[in-house]
Amino acid sequence: MTSSSSPSQDSQRRAHAYPEGLRADALMEEDVAWSHDIDGERDGDQLERSERAALRRVVGLSTELEDVTEVEYRQLRLERVVLVGVWTTGTAADADNSLAELAALAETAGALVLDGVIQRRDKPDAATYIGSGKALELRDLVLETGADTVICDGELSPGQLIQLEDVVKVKVIDRTALILDIFAQHAKSREGKAQVALAQMQYMLPRLRGWGQSLSRQMGGGRGGLATRGPGETKIETDRRRIREKMAKMRREIAEMKTGRDVKRQERRRNKVPSVAIAGYTNAGKSSLLNRLTGAGVLVENALFATLDPTVRRAETPSGRLYTLADTVGFVRHLPHHLVEAFRSTMEEVGDSDLILHVVDGSHPVPEEQLAAVREVIRDVGATDVPEIVVINKADAADPLVLQRLLRVEKQSIAISARTGQGIEELLTLIDEKLPRPSVEVEAVVPYTHGKLVARAHTEGEVISEEHTAEGTLLKARVHAELAAELAPYTPAATA
């Protein structure tokens, strides 16, 4: 039998159950009222209603590192990829090395490589890159591994991308898109970001896809009125037009940045400062060498394309000659032509230099392939006439037989280790020998009132000897023709 009580009796019980200070709060909000009968059995300290309603600090969510790691419940899910390569020429080892490089590129971009397959063909299939039968096998492999992306070791046409995606039912990208993604992640400077954006738009323009309303005509074409005269452009055509406009704007911005770079380059030429460009395969150790020679402090990381932004630093030869050292973007096999075009202003540092330090990874299984790939790009930017020193880096980790083979084949070469400093002194001496020297040798007694000419001889030329006499500074030096003409009035023949 259920007992009932009147509202007045309930109010009296609540009045006796609560202390004097909590009666008003209990009357306003009964669901937070506390009583010995109901709440006395709860574990822990009970808080006041105002404290319960207030914002409270959660102990496990403080900014201390140990607390953050304790409460972290989400994990970054890397993109799971399967690699596909088509072996058309060369040996099986060449095909394996190419796929291994693609795996390194994928890991640099932030992907988890699950598997890789290579197909032997005379040439890639025009429809699906690997053929219809192999595409079905690839679909089964994707289902088995649980991959969500397929990366092809080559540049696919828009049609190949679409048809291969239709078969494997996951996203398909090619080597070019992968390299562009890495460049987009690593570009830091304004010029680098603009160059990467331009290359990405050049790549995406022919690969835009549309369906539904994207392919339907928009009304337009007339001069107004309720019903315009004819169908206008489709939405995908509008997107392409906007991309072309953005590309034109980006090219203008890059041209303006190139103007600033040219001004700096002309200033160095005016001061007759020789320039040395560091070029080479990606992850060969170019930034490490720049840091070792100049203390530039450039980012060094065991990753492909870790640094994209060119860095120019001042350096000095053992004989005291000043020169500039420029670190350029790394190269890779089958470097997308979009990137070569977009980074042409940066790569001009190589073409305008007086000497190229061609850095190659001595620990690589086939360093000759790296040399050939870099020289192909150097040829594209018109720097074939610039003297070259092949710098075989990572000599401490390289196979001695590979080092001997490279040193024998490459006449102007030296083995170093930018990490340990091995061979750096010999490299500096070789740079001093290979840098162009002033053509005119002069001997002059320069008055002390014209000390600026002596200073220019030190910075722009090569001082052989210097002696202070009563008449002025007796100077023997190699200088360029312009400075030699200014020193001509103070030569012994002119003063006689």
Protein backbone atom coordinates (compact mmCIF):
# COMPACT_ATOMS: atom_id res chain seq x y z
CA MET A 1 0.00 0.00 0.00
CA THR A 2 1.42 3.30 -0.96
CA SER A 3 1.41 6.15 1.51
CA SER A 4 0.94 9.73 0.43
CA SER A 5 1.72 13.00 2.15
CA SER A 6 0.46 16.50 1.73
CA PRO A 7 2.62 19.29 0.22
CA SER A 8 2.76 21.04 3.57
CA GLN A 9 4.22 17.95 5.25
CA ASP A 10 6.88 17.65 2.53
CA SER A 11 7.88 21.26 3.00
CA GLN A 12 8.26 20.74 6.74
CA ARG A 13 10.49 17.68 6.21
CA ARG A 14 12.72 19.60 3.77
CA ALA A 15 13.00 22.48 6.21
CA HIS A 16 14.30 20.15 8.92
CA ALA A 17 16.62 18.29 6.52
CA TYR A 18 18.52 21.38 5.32
CA PRO A 19 20.75 23.67 7.33
CA GLU A 20 19.55 27.25 7.65
CA GLY A 21 21.85 28.63 4.91
CA LEU A 22 20.69 26.21 2.21
CA ARG A 23 16.90 26.48 2.59
CA ALA A 24 16.45 29.20 -0.03
CA ASP A 25 18.60 27.34 -2.57
CA ALA A 26 16.73 24.11 -1.92
CA LEU A 27 13.38 25.80 -2.42
CA MET A 28 14.55 27.30 -5.73
CA GLU A 29 16.10 24.10 -7.14
CA GLU A 30 15.02 20.88 -5.55
CA ASP A 31 17.03 18.57 -7.79
CA VAL A 32 20.31 19.78 -6.27
CA ALA A 33 19.04 19.70 -2.67
CA TRP A 34 21.16 17.66 -0.32
CA SER A 35 19.82 15.46 2.43
CA HIS A 36 21.32 13.01 4.88
CA ASP A 37 18.83 10.35 3.83
CA ILE A 38 19.54 10.47 0.08
CA ASP A 39 23.02 11.93 -0.33
CA GLY A 40 24.67 10.74 2.83
CA GLU A 41 25.67 7.47 1.19
CA ARG A 42 27.50 9.18 -1.77
CA ASP A 43 31.27 8.80 -1.95
CA GLY A 44 33.51 11.88 -1.86
CA ASP A 45 32.97 15.44 -0.83
CA GLN A 46 29.78 17.14 -1.94
CA LEU A 47 30.01 20.65 -3.44
CA GLU A 48 27.76 23.62 -3.06
CA ARG A 49 25.27 24.19 -5.89
CA SER A 50 27.07 27.34 -7.04
CA GLU A 51 30.34 25.43 -7.20
CA ARG A 52 28.74 22.63 -9.18
CA ALA A 53 27.39 25.10 -11.73
CA ALA A 54 30.67 27.00 -12.07
CA LEU A 55 33.46 26.26 -14.60
CA ARG A 56 35.97 23.98 -12.95
CA ARG A 57 39.51 23.01 -13.87
CA VAL A 58 39.80 19.40 -14.95
CA VAL A 59 42.95 17.96 -13.44
CA GLY A 60 43.83 15.76 -16.39
CA LEU A 61 43.52 18.56 -18.95
CA SER A 62 46.16 20.94 -17.64
CA THR A 63 48.90 22.21 -19.96
CA GLU A 64 51.58 20.14 -18.25
CA LEU A 65 52.99 17.57 -20.65
CA GLU A 66 52.47 14.62 -18.33
CA ASP A 67 48.79 15.46 -17.91
CA VAL A 68 48.26 15.93 -21.65
CA THR A 69 49.77 12.54 -22.44
CA GLU A 70 47.62 10.87 -19.79
CA VAL A 71 44.32 12.16 -21.14
CA GLU A 72 45.11 12.00 -24.86
CA TYR A 73 42.48 9.80 -26.47
CA ARG A 74 42.81 10.65 -30.16
CA GLN A 75 45.58 9.38 -32.44
CA LEU A 76 46.64 10.88 -35.76
CA ARG A 77 45.62 8.47 -38.49
CA LEU A 78 48.17 8.43 -41.28
CA GLU A 79 47.02 7.87 -44.83
CA ARG A 80 47.49 4.21 -45.69
CA VAL A 81 48.93 3.78 -49.19
CA VAL A 82 49.87 1.09 -51.68
CA LEU A 83 52.60 1.84 -54.23
CA VAL A 84 52.41 0.82 -57.89
CA GLY A 85 55.25 0.99 -60.38
CA VAL A 86 55.63 0.09 -64.07
CA TRP A 87 59.02 -1.33 -65.03
CA THR A 88 59.67 -0.42 -68.66
CA THR A 89 63.47 -0.07 -68.95
CA GLY A 90 66.57 -0.92 -66.95
CA THR A 91 67.17 -3.77 -64.55
CA ALA A 92 64.98 -5.14 -61.78
CA ALA A 93 67.25 -3.42 -59.25
CA ASP A 94 66.56 -0.07 -60.93
CA ALA A 95 62.82 -0.65 -60.64
CA ASP A 96 63.18 -1.59 -56.97
CA ASN A 97 65.25 1.53 -56.25
CA SER A 98 62.65 3.72 -57.96
CA LEU A 99 59.85 2.21 -55.86
CA ALA A 100 61.95 2.55 -52.70
CA GLU A 101 62.39 6.24 -53.47
CA LEU A 102 58.63 6.56 -53.99
CA ALA A 103 58.13 4.96 -50.57
CA ALA A 104 60.50 7.52 -49.02
CA LEU A 105 58.55 10.32 -50.71
CA ALA A 106 55.26 8.92 -49.38
CA GLU A 107 56.62 8.69 -45.84
CA THR A 108 57.93 12.26 -46.11
CA ALA A 109 54.44 13.39 -47.11
CA GLY A 110 53.03 11.70 -43.99
CA ALA A 111 51.69 8.41 -45.31
CA LEU A 112 51.98 4.84 -44.04
CA VAL A 113 53.24 2.53 -46.80
CA LEU A 114 51.53 -0.86 -46.61
CA ASP A 115 52.69 -2.59 -49.79
CA GLY A 116 54.29 -2.02 -53.16
CA VAL A 117 53.94 -3.81 -56.48
CA ILE A 118 55.77 -3.52 -59.81
CA GLN A 119 54.50 -4.61 -63.22
CA ARG A 120 56.77 -5.42 -66.16
CA ARG A 121 55.46 -3.76 -69.33
CA ASP A 122 56.84 -2.31 -72.54
CA LYS A 123 55.01 0.94 -71.81
CA PRO A 124 52.29 2.07 -69.37
CA ASP A 125 48.74 1.16 -70.35
CA ALA A 126 46.98 4.10 -71.99
CA ALA A 127 43.72 3.46 -70.09
CA THR A 128 44.58 2.38 -66.53
CA TYR A 129 48.41 2.71 -66.42
CA ILE A 130 48.83 -0.96 -65.40
CA GLY A 131 46.22 -2.71 -67.57
CA SER A 132 42.72 -3.88 -66.74
CA GLY A 133 43.74 -7.27 -65.30
CA LYS A 134 46.39 -5.84 -63.02
CA ALA A 135 43.98 -3.10 -61.96
CA LEU A 136 41.58 -5.78 -60.69
CA GLU A 137 44.46 -7.45 -58.81
CA LEU A 138 45.35 -4.06 -57.34
CA ARG A 139 41.74 -3.65 -56.17
CA ASP A 140 41.98 -6.97 -54.31
CA LEU A 141 45.28 -5.88 -52.74
CA VAL A 142 43.70 -2.61 -51.59
CA LEU A 143 40.81 -4.50 -49.98
CA GLU A 144 43.20 -6.95 -48.32
CA THR A 145 45.48 -4.30 -46.83
CA GLY A 146 42.79 -1.77 -45.98
CA ALA A 147 44.54 1.01 -47.92
CA ASP A 148 42.77 4.25 -48.76
CA THR A 149 45.17 5.62 -51.40
CA VAL A 150 47.13 4.26 -54.37
CA ILE A 151 50.31 6.09 -55.47
CA CYS A 152 51.64 5.44 -58.97
CA ASP A 153 55.34 5.83 -59.76
CA GLY A 154 54.86 8.03 -62.79
CA GLU A 155 52.85 10.96 -64.10
CA LEU A 156 49.34 9.80 -65.02
CA SER A 157 47.06 11.48 -67.51
CA PRO A 158 43.65 12.70 -66.29
CA GLY A 159 41.98 9.78 -68.06
CA GLN A 160 44.26 7.21 -66.43
CA LEU A 161 43.55 8.67 -62.99
CA ILE A 162 39.78 8.51 -63.48
CA GLN A 163 39.68 4.99 -64.91
CA LEU A 164 42.06 3.53 -62.33
CA GLU A 165 40.02 5.11 -59.51
CA ASP A 166 36.86 3.58 -60.98
CA VAL A 167 38.42 0.13 -60.70
CA VAL A 168 40.21 0.26 -57.32
CA LYS A 169 37.48 2.38 -55.65
CA VAL A 170 39.98 4.47 -53.65
CA LYS A 171 41.87 7.71 -54.28
CA VAL A 172 44.67 7.47 -56.86
CA ILE A 173 47.52 9.98 -57.13
CA ASP A 174 50.74 9.98 -59.12
CA ARG A 175 54.34 10.80 -58.34
CA THR A 176 53.94 14.42 -59.46
CA ALA A 177 51.04 15.09 -57.09
CA LEU A 178 53.00 13.49 -54.25
CA ILE A 179 56.05 15.71 -54.81
CA LEU A 180 53.83 18.78 -55.09
CA ASP A 181 52.23 17.89 -51.75
CA ILE A 182 55.67 17.61 -50.11
CA PHE A 183 56.69 20.96 -51.54
CA ALA A 184 53.48 22.55 -50.25
CA GLN A 185 54.19 21.22 -46.74
CA HIS A 186 57.81 22.39 -46.64
CA ALA A 187 57.67 25.79 -48.36
CA LYS A 188 58.20 28.55 -45.78
CA SER A 189 59.12 31.77 -47.58
CA ARG A 190 56.67 33.91 -49.55
CA GLU A 191 58.46 33.16 -52.80
CA GLY A 192 58.58 29.43 -52.12
CA LYS A 193 54.86 29.29 -51.32
CA ALA A 194 54.02 31.24 -54.48
CA GLN A 195 56.15 28.94 -56.64
CA VAL A 196 54.54 25.82 -55.17
CA ALA A 197 51.04 27.27 -55.58
CA LEU A 198 51.74 28.04 -59.24
CA ALA A 199 53.03 24.50 -59.86
CA GLN A 200 49.97 23.00 -58.16
CA MET A 201 47.57 25.06 -60.26
CA GLN A 202 49.42 24.11 -63.45
CA TYR A 203 49.07 20.46 -62.46
CA MET A 204 45.39 20.67 -61.44
CA LEU A 205 44.11 22.73 -64.38
CA PRO A 206 43.76 19.82 -66.88
CA ARG A 207 42.61 17.45 -64.12
CA LEU A 208 39.53 19.32 -62.94
CA ARG A 209 36.49 17.07 -62.89
CA GLY A 210 32.83 17.93 -62.65
CA TRP A 211 29.42 16.28 -62.55
CA GLY A 212 25.85 17.36 -62.09
CA GLN A 213 25.53 21.11 -62.02
CA SER A 214 29.25 21.51 -62.74
CA LEU A 215 28.56 20.39 -66.30
CA SER A 216 25.30 22.27 -66.83
CA ARG A 217 25.21 25.57 -68.70
CA GLN A 218 24.69 28.78 -66.81
CA MET A 219 22.36 31.40 -68.20
CA GLY A 220 24.22 34.28 -69.71
CA GLY A 221 25.55 35.78 -72.86
CA GLY A 222 22.94 38.49 -73.36
CA ARG A 223 22.82 42.11 -72.24
CA GLY A 224 20.24 41.60 -69.50
CA GLY A 225 16.54 41.10 -69.42
CA LEU A 226 14.30 38.49 -67.87
CA ALA A 227 15.67 35.61 -69.92
CA THR A 228 19.22 36.00 -71.13
CA ARG A 229 19.80 35.02 -74.74
CA GLY A 230 22.01 31.98 -74.67
CA PRO A 231 23.65 29.44 -72.42
CA GLY A 232 26.85 30.70 -70.84
CA GLU A 233 29.89 28.76 -69.67
CA THR A 234 29.61 25.75 -67.42
CA LYS A 235 30.72 25.93 -63.81
CA ILE A 236 33.81 23.84 -64.52
CA GLU A 237 34.74 26.29 -67.28
CA THR A 238 34.31 29.10 -64.77
CA ASP A 239 36.63 27.29 -62.36
CA ARG A 240 39.24 26.85 -65.07
CA ARG A 241 39.03 30.52 -65.99
CA ARG A 242 39.50 31.53 -62.37
CA ILE A 243 42.49 29.22 -62.03
CA ARG A 244 44.06 30.76 -65.13
CA GLU A 245 43.52 34.23 -63.66
CA LYS A 246 45.13 33.15 -60.38
CA MET A 247 48.06 31.64 -62.29
CA ALA A 248 48.58 34.90 -64.19
CA LYS A 249 48.52 36.84 -60.92
CA MET A 250 50.96 34.37 -59.33
CA ARG A 251 53.36 34.68 -62.26
CA ARG A 252 53.34 38.46 -61.86
CA GLU A 253 54.11 38.15 -58.14
CA ILE A 254 56.97 35.70 -58.79
CA ALA A 255 58.34 38.03 -61.47
CA GLU A 256 58.34 40.89 -58.94
CA MET A 257 60.20 38.70 -56.43
CA LYS A 258 62.64 37.71 -59.17
CA THR A 259 63.37 41.41 -59.72
CA GLY A 260 64.52 41.74 -56.11
CA ARG A 261 66.68 38.64 -56.46
CA ASP A 262 68.21 40.03 -59.68
CA VAL A 263 69.04 43.33 -57.95
CA LYS A 264 70.94 41.50 -55.23
CA ARG A 265 72.70 39.39 -57.83
CA GLN A 266 73.72 42.49 -59.82
CA GLU A 267 75.07 44.08 -56.64
CA ARG A 268 77.29 41.05 -56.08
CA ARG A 269 78.44 41.19 -59.69
CA ARG A 270 79.20 44.91 -59.39
CA ASN A 271 81.36 44.21 -56.35
CA LYS A 272 83.05 41.36 -58.23
CA VAL A 273 82.14 38.82 -55.52
CA PRO A 274 82.38 35.25 -56.88
CA SER A 275 79.38 33.01 -56.26
CA VAL A 276 79.24 29.27 -55.56
CA ALA A 277 75.97 27.31 -55.85
CA ILE A 278 75.29 24.07 -53.97
CA ALA A 279 73.18 21.75 -56.12
CA GLY A 280 72.37 18.10 -55.74
CA TYR A 281 69.87 15.35 -55.16
CA THR A 282 67.39 15.71 -52.34
CA ASN A 283 68.65 14.50 -48.95
CA ALA A 284 72.24 14.41 -50.22
CA GLY A 285 73.39 16.80 -47.47
CA LYS A 286 73.38 20.23 -49.15
CA SER A 287 72.09 22.10 -46.10
CA SER A 288 74.52 20.22 -43.84
CA LEU A 289 77.39 21.29 -46.10
CA LEU A 290 76.19 24.92 -46.08
CA ASN A 291 76.06 24.87 -42.28
CA ARG A 292 79.52 23.32 -42.08
CA LEU A 293 81.08 25.90 -44.44
CA THR A 294 79.31 29.04 -43.20
CA GLY A 295 77.50 28.25 -39.94
CA ALA A 296 74.21 29.27 -41.59
CA GLY A 297 72.00 27.33 -39.18
CA VAL A 298 69.72 26.00 -41.94
CA LEU A 299 67.30 23.21 -41.02
CA VAL A 300 68.92 19.78 -41.37
CA GLU A 301 66.67 16.74 -41.37
CA ASN A 302 66.90 13.20 -42.71
CA ALA A 303 63.95 13.73 -45.03
CA LEU A 304 63.38 14.44 -48.70
CA PHE A 305 62.99 18.14 -49.59
CA ALA A 306 63.42 19.21 -45.95
CA THR A 307 64.50 22.70 -47.11
CA LEU A 308 63.08 24.39 -50.21
CA ASP A 309 63.85 28.06 -49.67
CA PRO A 310 67.22 29.13 -51.16
CA THR A 311 69.75 30.49 -48.70
CA VAL A 312 72.72 32.71 -49.64
CA ARG A 313 75.57 33.15 -47.16
CA ARG A 314 78.95 34.87 -47.22
CA ALA A 315 82.04 32.66 -47.03
CA GLU A 316 85.82 33.04 -47.25
CA THR A 317 88.50 30.90 -48.83
CA PRO A 318 91.67 29.88 -46.93
CA SER A 319 93.55 32.61 -48.83
CA GLY A 320 91.09 35.26 -47.65
CA ARG A 321 88.99 35.66 -50.81
CA LEU A 322 85.31 36.41 -50.23
CA TYR A 323 82.55 34.57 -52.10
CA THR A 324 78.85 33.79 -51.68
CA LEU A 325 77.51 30.28 -51.11
CA ALA A 326 73.92 29.57 -52.23
CA ASP A 327 71.90 26.52 -51.20
CA THR A 328 69.34 25.56 -53.86
CA VAL A 329 66.29 23.31 -53.92
CA GLY A 330 66.98 19.59 -54.08
CA PHE A 331 66.39 17.57 -57.25
CA VAL A 332 64.89 14.15 -57.75
CA ARG A 333 64.42 11.73 -60.62
CA HIS A 334 61.53 12.71 -62.89
CA LEU A 335 61.23 16.10 -61.21
CA PRO A 336 57.86 17.46 -62.41
CA HIS A 337 58.28 20.00 -65.17
CA HIS A 338 55.72 22.19 -63.37
CA LEU A 339 58.21 22.56 -60.52
CA VAL A 340 61.13 23.21 -62.85
CA GLU A 341 59.18 26.04 -64.45
CA ALA A 342 57.88 27.45 -61.16
CA PHE A 343 61.29 27.32 -59.45
CA ARG A 344 63.20 28.60 -62.47
CA SER A 345 63.93 31.95 -60.79
CA THR A 346 65.39 30.08 -57.82
CA MET A 347 67.38 27.68 -59.99
CA GLU A 348 68.90 30.62 -61.85
CA GLU A 349 71.26 30.88 -58.88
CA VAL A 350 72.91 27.78 -60.34
CA GLY A 351 73.13 29.21 -63.86
CA ASP A 352 74.55 32.56 -62.71
CA SER A 353 77.15 31.09 -60.35
CA ASP A 354 80.90 30.88 -60.98
CA LEU A 355 81.19 27.37 -59.54
CA ILE A 356 78.77 24.52 -58.77
CA LEU A 357 79.26 22.20 -55.82
CA HIS A 358 77.38 19.12 -57.01
CA VAL A 359 76.60 17.19 -53.84
CA VAL A 360 75.86 13.48 -54.17
CA ASP A 361 74.97 10.94 -51.49
CA GLY A 362 77.91 8.53 -51.32
CA SER A 363 75.91 6.06 -49.20
CA HIS A 364 73.25 5.65 -51.92
CA PRO A 365 73.32 2.26 -53.71
CA VAL A 366 73.54 3.88 -57.16
CA PRO A 367 74.87 7.45 -56.82
CA GLU A 368 75.47 7.65 -60.58
CA GLU A 369 71.69 7.87 -61.09
CA GLN A 370 71.55 10.85 -58.76
CA LEU A 371 74.33 12.57 -60.70
CA ALA A 372 72.53 12.01 -64.00
CA ALA A 373 69.19 13.30 -62.66
CA VAL A 374 70.72 16.50 -61.27
CA ARG A 375 72.73 17.18 -64.43
CA GLU A 376 69.55 16.87 -66.48
CA VAL A 377 67.95 19.69 -64.48
CA ILE A 378 71.17 21.74 -64.61
CA ARG A 379 71.05 21.38 -68.38
CA ASP A 380 67.42 22.55 -68.39
CA VAL A 381 68.31 25.80 -66.60
CA GLY A 382 71.26 26.48 -68.93
CA ALA A 383 74.16 25.99 -66.52
CA THR A 384 76.19 23.45 -68.48
CA ASP A 385 79.14 25.85 -68.95
CA VAL A 386 79.63 26.50 -65.21
CA PRO A 387 82.63 24.64 -63.66
CA GLU A 388 81.58 21.80 -61.37
CA ILE A 389 83.06 20.03 -58.35
CA VAL A 390 81.41 16.71 -57.45
CA VAL A 391 81.23 16.58 -53.65
CA ILE A 392 80.65 12.99 -52.49
CA ASN A 393 79.00 13.46 -49.10
CA LYS A 394 78.41 10.92 -46.29
CA ALA A 395 81.81 9.36 -46.89
CA ASP A 396 81.77 8.02 -43.32
CA ALA A 397 78.75 5.84 -44.15
CA ALA A 398 79.55 5.02 -47.79
CA ASP A 399 80.87 1.80 -49.28
CA PRO A 400 84.63 2.24 -49.94
CA LEU A 401 84.28 0.54 -53.33
CA VAL A 402 81.54 3.01 -54.36
CA LEU A 403 83.72 5.93 -53.25
CA GLN A 404 86.67 4.66 -55.27
CA ARG A 405 84.48 4.18 -58.33
CA LEU A 406 83.08 7.70 -58.14
CA LEU A 407 86.46 9.31 -57.50
CA ARG A 408 87.88 7.44 -60.49
CA VAL A 409 85.04 8.32 -62.88
CA GLU A 410 84.51 11.96 -61.81
CA LYS A 411 87.74 13.84 -62.44
CA GLN A 412 86.85 16.92 -60.35
CA SER A 413 85.55 15.17 -57.24
CA ILE A 414 86.26 14.95 -53.52
CA ALA A 415 84.89 12.74 -50.72
CA ILE A 416 83.74 14.50 -47.54
CA SER A 417 81.47 14.09 -44.55
CA ALA A 418 79.52 17.21 -43.62
CA ARG A 419 78.52 15.55 -40.34
CA THR A 420 82.03 14.73 -39.08
CA GLY A 421 84.01 17.41 -40.97
CA GLN A 422 86.08 14.91 -42.93
CA GLY A 423 87.54 16.45 -46.10
CA ILE A 424 86.17 19.96 -45.47
CA GLU A 425 89.61 21.62 -45.45
CA GLU A 426 90.50 19.94 -48.73
CA LEU A 427 87.18 21.08 -50.21
CA LEU A 428 87.85 24.71 -49.21
CA THR A 429 91.27 24.55 -50.86
CA LEU A 430 89.71 23.12 -54.02
CA ILE A 431 87.08 25.89 -54.07
CA ASP A 432 89.88 28.46 -53.77
CA GLU A 433 91.63 26.93 -56.77
CA LYS A 434 88.53 26.68 -58.96
CA LEU A 435 87.04 30.13 -58.31
CA PRO A 436 87.81 32.52 -61.17
CA ARG A 437 90.77 34.74 -60.46
CA PRO A 438 91.24 38.39 -61.53
CA SER A 439 92.98 38.62 -64.88
CA VAL A 440 95.28 41.67 -64.41
CA GLU A 441 98.33 41.69 -62.16
CA VAL A 442 99.33 45.18 -60.99
CA GLU A 443 102.00 46.78 -58.79
CA ALA A 444 101.27 50.27 -57.51
CA VAL A 445 102.16 52.70 -54.72
CA VAL A 446 98.76 53.90 -53.53
CA PRO A 447 98.75 57.16 -51.50
CA TYR A 448 97.34 56.88 -48.02
CA THR A 449 94.64 59.34 -49.02
CA HIS A 450 93.29 56.73 -51.46
CA GLY A 451 93.03 53.81 -49.05
CA LYS A 452 89.67 52.91 -50.57
CA LEU A 453 91.49 51.46 -53.58
CA VAL A 454 93.51 49.17 -51.30
CA ALA A 455 90.35 48.02 -49.60
CA ARG A 456 88.75 47.24 -52.97
CA ALA A 457 91.82 45.25 -53.96
CA HIS A 458 91.27 43.09 -50.88
CA THR A 459 87.54 42.56 -51.45
CA GLU A 460 87.40 42.39 -55.25
CA GLY A 461 90.81 40.97 -56.10
CA GLU A 462 93.63 38.85 -54.74
CA VAL A 463 96.40 40.66 -52.85
CA ILE A 464 99.82 39.10 -53.38
CA SER A 465 101.82 41.41 -51.10
CA GLU A 466 101.29 44.68 -49.24
CA GLU A 467 103.96 46.99 -47.78
CA HIS A 468 103.66 50.41 -46.15
CA THR A 469 106.23 52.97 -47.36
CA ALA A 470 106.74 56.71 -46.90
CA GLU A 471 104.97 57.48 -50.18
CA GLY A 472 102.01 55.14 -49.63
CA THR A 473 101.02 51.49 -49.72
CA LEU A 474 103.10 49.34 -52.07
CA LEU A 475 100.53 46.91 -53.41
CA LYS A 476 100.98 43.84 -55.58
CA ALA A 477 97.68 42.23 -56.49
CA ARG A 478 95.55 40.52 -59.11
CA VAL A 479 92.52 42.65 -59.91
CA HIS A 480 89.89 42.95 -62.61
CA ALA A 481 90.35 45.36 -65.52
CA GLU A 482 88.17 48.13 -64.08
CA LEU A 483 90.14 48.36 -60.83
CA ALA A 484 93.42 48.02 -62.72
CA ALA A 485 92.51 51.14 -64.71
CA GLU A 486 91.92 53.08 -61.48
CA LEU A 487 95.28 51.93 -60.07
CA ALA A 488 97.17 52.73 -63.29
CA PRO A 489 98.14 56.35 -62.26
CA TYR A 490 100.04 54.99 -59.25
CA THR A 491 102.11 52.31 -61.03
CA PRO A 492 105.89 52.79 -61.31
CA ALA A 493 105.60 53.40 -65.09
CA ALA A 494 103.08 56.21 -64.56
CA THR A 495 105.03 57.92 -61.78
CA ALA A 496 108.38 57.75 -63.59
